[in-house]
N, C-alpha and C. Protein backbone atom coordinates (compact mmCIF):
# COMPACT_ATOMS: atom_id res chain seq x y z
N MET A 1 65.67 -2.50 15.90
CA MET A 1 66.23 -1.16 16.03
C MET A 1 67.76 -1.27 15.92
N PRO A 2 68.40 -0.41 15.14
CA PRO A 2 69.86 -0.47 14.98
C PRO A 2 70.57 -0.07 16.27
N SER A 3 71.81 -0.51 16.39
CA SER A 3 72.60 -0.16 17.57
C SER A 3 73.84 0.64 17.17
N CYS A 4 74.34 1.41 18.11
CA CYS A 4 75.50 2.26 17.90
C CYS A 4 76.75 1.40 17.69
N PRO A 5 77.50 1.65 16.62
CA PRO A 5 78.73 0.89 16.40
C PRO A 5 79.81 1.14 17.46
N GLU A 6 79.71 2.25 18.19
CA GLU A 6 80.70 2.59 19.21
C GLU A 6 80.40 1.94 20.55
N CYS A 7 79.17 2.14 21.06
CA CYS A 7 78.86 1.67 22.41
C CYS A 7 77.79 0.58 22.44
N GLU A 8 77.25 0.23 21.28
CA GLU A 8 76.25 -0.81 21.12
C GLU A 8 74.91 -0.49 21.78
N ASN A 9 74.70 0.77 22.18
CA ASN A 9 73.41 1.21 22.67
C ASN A 9 72.43 1.26 21.50
N GLU A 10 71.15 1.00 21.73
CA GLU A 10 70.18 1.08 20.66
C GLU A 10 70.00 2.53 20.22
N LEU A 11 70.04 2.75 18.90
CA LEU A 11 69.83 4.08 18.35
C LEU A 11 68.35 4.32 18.17
N ASP A 12 67.89 5.48 18.59
CA ASP A 12 66.48 5.82 18.51
C ASP A 12 66.17 6.44 17.14
N ILE A 13 66.26 5.61 16.09
CA ILE A 13 65.94 6.08 14.74
C ILE A 13 65.05 5.06 14.06
N GLU A 14 64.19 5.56 13.21
CA GLU A 14 63.33 4.69 12.41
C GLU A 14 64.04 4.44 11.09
N VAL A 15 64.42 3.21 10.84
CA VAL A 15 65.19 2.85 9.66
C VAL A 15 64.47 3.25 8.38
N ASP A 16 63.14 3.12 8.36
CA ASP A 16 62.40 3.45 7.14
C ASP A 16 62.16 4.94 6.97
N GLU A 17 62.62 5.77 7.92
CA GLU A 17 62.42 7.21 7.82
C GLU A 17 63.72 7.98 7.57
N VAL A 18 64.86 7.32 7.56
CA VAL A 18 66.13 8.02 7.32
C VAL A 18 66.51 7.91 5.85
N GLU A 19 67.27 8.88 5.38
CA GLU A 19 67.76 8.90 4.01
C GLU A 19 69.27 9.04 4.02
N GLU A 20 69.90 8.66 2.91
CA GLU A 20 71.35 8.85 2.80
C GLU A 20 71.67 10.32 3.01
N GLY A 21 72.72 10.59 3.78
CA GLY A 21 73.14 11.95 4.06
C GLY A 21 72.62 12.49 5.38
N ASP A 22 71.62 11.83 5.96
CA ASP A 22 71.11 12.25 7.27
C ASP A 22 72.18 12.02 8.33
N VAL A 23 72.15 12.83 9.37
CA VAL A 23 73.08 12.68 10.49
C VAL A 23 72.27 12.23 11.70
N VAL A 24 72.73 11.18 12.35
CA VAL A 24 72.10 10.67 13.56
C VAL A 24 73.14 10.64 14.66
N ALA A 25 72.68 10.76 15.90
CA ALA A 25 73.60 10.76 17.04
C ALA A 25 73.13 9.73 18.06
N CYS A 26 74.10 9.11 18.70
CA CYS A 26 73.82 8.17 19.78
C CYS A 26 73.56 8.97 21.05
N GLU A 27 72.43 8.71 21.68
CA GLU A 27 72.10 9.42 22.92
C GLU A 27 73.00 9.00 24.08
N GLU A 28 73.56 7.81 24.02
CA GLU A 28 74.39 7.29 25.11
C GLU A 28 75.81 7.86 25.07
N CYS A 29 76.50 7.73 23.93
CA CYS A 29 77.91 8.15 23.87
C CYS A 29 78.11 9.48 23.13
N GLY A 30 77.08 9.96 22.42
CA GLY A 30 77.17 11.25 21.75
C GLY A 30 77.84 11.22 20.39
N THR A 31 78.25 10.06 19.93
CA THR A 31 78.90 9.94 18.63
C THR A 31 77.90 10.23 17.52
N GLU A 32 78.33 11.02 16.52
CA GLU A 32 77.46 11.34 15.39
C GLU A 32 77.85 10.48 14.19
N PHE A 33 76.83 10.04 13.47
CA PHE A 33 77.02 9.20 12.30
C PHE A 33 76.26 9.78 11.13
N GLU A 34 76.82 9.61 9.93
CA GLU A 34 76.11 9.95 8.71
C GLU A 34 75.55 8.66 8.13
N VAL A 35 74.31 8.72 7.65
CA VAL A 35 73.71 7.56 7.00
C VAL A 35 74.29 7.49 5.59
N VAL A 36 75.04 6.42 5.29
CA VAL A 36 75.66 6.27 3.98
C VAL A 36 74.97 5.20 3.14
N GLY A 37 74.05 4.47 3.75
CA GLY A 37 73.27 3.47 3.04
C GLY A 37 72.01 3.17 3.82
N VAL A 38 70.92 2.87 3.11
CA VAL A 38 69.67 2.64 3.82
C VAL A 38 69.18 1.19 3.74
N GLU A 39 69.59 0.45 2.74
CA GLU A 39 69.18 -0.96 2.63
C GLU A 39 70.38 -1.82 2.31
N PRO A 40 71.07 -2.38 3.26
CA PRO A 40 70.83 -2.26 4.70
C PRO A 40 71.38 -0.94 5.24
N LEU A 41 70.98 -0.60 6.45
CA LEU A 41 71.42 0.63 7.08
C LEU A 41 72.93 0.60 7.29
N GLU A 42 73.62 1.63 6.79
CA GLU A 42 75.06 1.75 6.98
C GLU A 42 75.35 3.14 7.54
N LEU A 43 76.16 3.17 8.58
CA LEU A 43 76.51 4.43 9.24
C LEU A 43 78.01 4.65 9.16
N ALA A 44 78.41 5.91 8.97
CA ALA A 44 79.83 6.27 8.99
C ALA A 44 80.03 7.33 10.07
N ARG A 45 80.99 7.12 10.91
CA ARG A 45 81.27 8.06 11.99
C ARG A 45 81.77 9.38 11.41
N LEU A 46 81.13 10.49 11.78
CA LEU A 46 81.49 11.79 11.23
C LEU A 46 82.88 12.23 11.67
N GLU A 47 83.27 11.98 12.89
CA GLU A 47 84.57 12.42 13.39
C GLU A 47 85.71 11.81 12.59
N GLU A 48 85.56 10.55 12.14
CA GLU A 48 86.62 9.91 11.37
C GLU A 48 86.84 10.65 10.05
N GLU A 49 85.76 11.07 9.41
CA GLU A 49 85.89 11.79 8.15
C GLU A 49 86.62 13.10 8.36
N LEU A 50 86.32 13.79 9.45
CA LEU A 50 86.98 15.05 9.74
C LEU A 50 88.46 14.82 10.01
N GLU A 51 88.80 13.75 10.74
CA GLU A 51 90.20 13.47 11.04
C GLU A 51 90.96 13.18 9.75
N GLU A 52 90.36 12.45 8.83
CA GLU A 52 91.02 12.15 7.56
C GLU A 52 91.28 13.45 6.80
N ASP A 53 90.31 14.36 6.79
CA ASP A 53 90.49 15.64 6.12
C ASP A 53 91.62 16.44 6.77
N ASP A 54 91.69 16.41 8.11
CA ASP A 54 92.75 17.12 8.82
C ASP A 54 94.11 16.55 8.44
N ASP A 55 94.22 15.23 8.34
CA ASP A 55 95.48 14.60 7.97
C ASP A 55 95.92 15.04 6.58
N LEU A 56 95.00 15.10 5.64
CA LEU A 56 95.32 15.54 4.29
C LEU A 56 95.80 16.98 4.30
N TYR A 57 95.16 17.83 5.10
CA TYR A 57 95.54 19.23 5.18
C TYR A 57 96.95 19.36 5.75
N GLU A 58 97.26 18.58 6.78
CA GLU A 58 98.58 18.63 7.39
C GLU A 58 99.66 18.18 6.40
N GLU A 59 99.35 17.15 5.59
CA GLU A 59 100.32 16.68 4.61
C GLU A 59 100.58 17.75 3.56
N ASP A 60 99.55 18.49 3.14
CA ASP A 60 99.72 19.56 2.17
C ASP A 60 100.62 20.65 2.74
N GLU A 61 100.46 20.97 4.02
CA GLU A 61 101.30 22.00 4.64
C GLU A 61 102.76 21.57 4.67
N GLU A 62 103.01 20.30 4.95
CA GLU A 62 104.38 19.80 5.04
C GLU A 62 105.08 19.85 3.70
N GLU A 63 104.35 19.68 2.60
CA GLU A 63 104.94 19.68 1.28
C GLU A 63 105.39 21.07 0.84
N GLU A 64 104.77 22.10 1.39
CA GLU A 64 105.08 23.48 0.96
C GLU A 64 106.40 23.97 1.44
């Protein structure tokens, strides 16, 4: 069973039942991850993607 990259708690997901683009959450710390790869399982933290988008938006505002 895969474990959470943040808190190392076991994630309650079936590796053979998830697809790329699915969102899974850790029951222990509440962090949400997007499945970006299935063989092997790769997870990307959703909050990081949002923060990167926010940074780009702020840079665009500063240029104006």
